[in-house]
Amino acid sequence: MATHRIARINEEIRKELARILPTVKDPRVPAFVSITAVETTGDLKECKVFVSALSGDEKEMLRGLKSSGSYIRGALARNLKLRYTPELSFHADPSIKYGMHINEKLNELGLSSNGDQEDEQE
């Protein structure tokens, strides 16, 4: 039963962070940051936020998010009615870039992303 509650809280935190992150004024944080996953501990004290951006340096983005952490946590506390607002830690999630890399490799081999060979036009 508690895992369903944590899953719902994770989803609400993810949605709210998606609304908050575009308002961050730090120039190291790109305008389009994807939140791929959120993992909250059972006591709601800590929360890992996995983010990905298609452009820019991931290390700089993570530094910008860390320095803006108090602003993000405060906005999260105002928008979500939780007894405890978790401490946020941001982590890079390379899954989007990895997927793009795999797609490029498939295109180089002449395969489409669904596994079929592309028809050669003559």
Protein backbone atom coordinates (compact mmCIF):
# COMPACT_ATOMS: atom_id res chain seq x y z
CA MET A 1 0.00 0.00 0.00
CA ALA A 2 2.78 2.45 0.86
CA THR A 3 4.51 1.87 -2.48
CA HIS A 4 1.44 3.15 -4.31
CA ARG A 5 1.52 6.30 -2.18
CA ILE A 6 5.21 6.86 -2.90
CA ALA A 7 4.60 6.28 -6.62
CA ARG A 8 1.82 8.90 -6.61
CA ILE A 9 4.01 11.36 -4.70
CA ASN A 10 6.89 10.74 -7.13
CA GLU A 11 4.60 11.50 -10.06
CA GLU A 12 3.27 14.69 -8.45
CA ILE A 13 6.80 15.86 -7.65
CA ARG A 14 7.86 15.14 -11.24
CA LYS A 15 4.92 17.12 -12.66
CA GLU A 16 5.51 20.05 -10.33
CA LEU A 17 9.24 20.14 -11.06
CA ALA A 18 8.43 20.22 -14.76
CA ARG A 19 6.48 23.42 -14.08
CA ILE A 20 9.13 24.93 -11.79
CA LEU A 21 12.36 24.28 -13.74
CA PRO A 22 11.59 26.65 -16.66
CA THR A 23 11.37 29.50 -14.12
CA VAL A 24 14.93 28.95 -12.84
CA LYS A 25 17.01 32.01 -13.73
CA ASP A 26 20.42 30.29 -13.62
CA PRO A 27 22.04 30.53 -17.09
CA ARG A 28 23.62 27.09 -16.63
CA VAL A 29 20.18 25.47 -16.64
CA PRO A 30 18.84 25.14 -20.20
CA ALA A 31 15.26 26.11 -20.96
CA PHE A 32 14.33 22.57 -21.93
CA VAL A 33 15.24 20.13 -19.19
CA SER A 34 13.55 16.73 -19.16
CA ILE A 35 12.80 15.13 -15.84
CA THR A 36 13.07 11.44 -16.60
CA ALA A 37 12.46 10.00 -13.12
CA VAL A 38 11.95 10.90 -9.48
CA GLU A 39 12.77 8.57 -6.59
CA THR A 40 11.64 9.55 -3.10
CA THR A 41 12.57 7.73 0.08
CA GLY A 42 9.78 6.23 2.17
CA ASP A 43 10.04 8.91 4.86
CA LEU A 44 9.87 11.72 2.23
CA LYS A 45 13.11 13.26 3.48
CA GLU A 46 15.19 12.81 0.32
CA CYS A 47 14.39 12.82 -3.37
CA LYS A 48 16.60 11.92 -6.33
CA VAL A 49 15.66 13.78 -9.49
CA PHE A 50 17.02 12.39 -12.75
CA VAL A 51 17.28 15.04 -15.45
CA SER A 52 18.42 15.15 -19.04
CA ALA A 53 18.99 17.93 -21.52
CA LEU A 54 19.71 17.56 -25.22
CA SER A 55 21.99 20.56 -25.38
CA GLY A 56 24.61 21.99 -23.09
CA ASP A 57 27.05 20.55 -20.60
CA GLU A 58 25.47 18.12 -18.14
CA LYS A 59 27.96 18.92 -15.36
CA GLU A 60 27.25 22.64 -15.62
CA MET A 61 23.51 21.96 -15.71
CA LEU A 62 23.77 19.89 -12.53
CA ARG A 63 25.80 22.64 -10.83
CA GLY A 64 23.15 25.18 -11.80
CA LEU A 65 20.35 22.96 -10.50
CA LYS A 66 22.22 22.35 -7.26
CA SER A 67 22.79 26.07 -6.71
CA SER A 68 19.09 26.73 -7.43
CA GLY A 69 18.03 23.87 -5.16
CA SER A 70 16.68 26.04 -2.35
CA TYR A 71 14.52 28.04 -4.77
CA ILE A 72 13.22 24.85 -6.40
CA ARG A 73 12.53 23.20 -3.04
CA GLY A 74 10.70 26.31 -1.78
CA ALA A 75 8.52 26.45 -4.89
CA LEU A 76 7.84 22.74 -4.52
CA ALA A 77 6.81 23.25 -0.89
CA ARG A 78 4.41 26.03 -1.87
CA ASN A 79 2.78 24.01 -4.64
CA LEU A 80 2.59 20.57 -2.99
CA LYS A 81 0.86 20.06 0.32
CA LEU A 82 3.18 17.55 1.98
CA ARG A 83 4.15 17.35 5.61
CA TYR A 84 7.81 17.22 4.61
CA THR A 85 9.31 18.68 1.49
CA PRO A 86 12.12 16.34 0.48
CA GLU A 87 15.71 17.45 0.07
CA LEU A 88 16.38 17.37 -3.68
CA SER A 89 19.47 15.90 -5.31
CA PHE A 90 19.86 16.13 -9.07
CA HIS A 91 21.46 13.39 -11.16
CA ALA A 92 22.17 13.18 -14.89
CA ASP A 93 20.18 10.59 -16.84
CA PRO A 94 21.91 9.78 -20.12
CA SER A 95 19.05 7.63 -21.49
CA ILE A 96 17.83 10.21 -24.05
CA LYS A 97 21.31 10.81 -25.47
CA TYR A 98 21.95 7.05 -25.48
CA GLY A 99 18.70 6.48 -27.38
CA MET A 100 19.69 9.11 -29.95
CA HIS A 101 23.11 7.46 -30.31
CA ILE A 102 21.50 4.04 -30.91
CA ASN A 103 19.11 5.58 -33.45
CA GLU A 104 22.07 7.14 -35.33
CA LYS A 105 23.87 3.79 -35.38
CA LEU A 106 20.76 2.07 -36.74
CA ASN A 107 20.46 4.71 -39.45
CA GLU A 108 24.13 4.20 -40.37
CA LEU A 109 23.45 0.49 -40.78
CA GLY A 110 20.42 1.19 -42.96
CA LEU A 111 17.92 0.06 -40.37
CA SER A 112 14.98 2.10 -39.19
CA SER A 113 14.19 2.44 -35.50
CA ASN A 114 11.47 -0.26 -35.69
CA GLY A 115 13.95 -2.92 -36.84
CA ASP A 116 12.96 -3.17 -40.54
CA GLN A 117 15.39 -2.48 -43.33
CA GLU A 118 14.65 0.66 -45.24
CA ASP A 119 13.61 0.22 -48.84
CA GLU A 120 16.25 1.42 -51.24
CA GLN A 121 14.87 3.69 -53.91
CA GLU A 122 16.42 3.39 -57.33
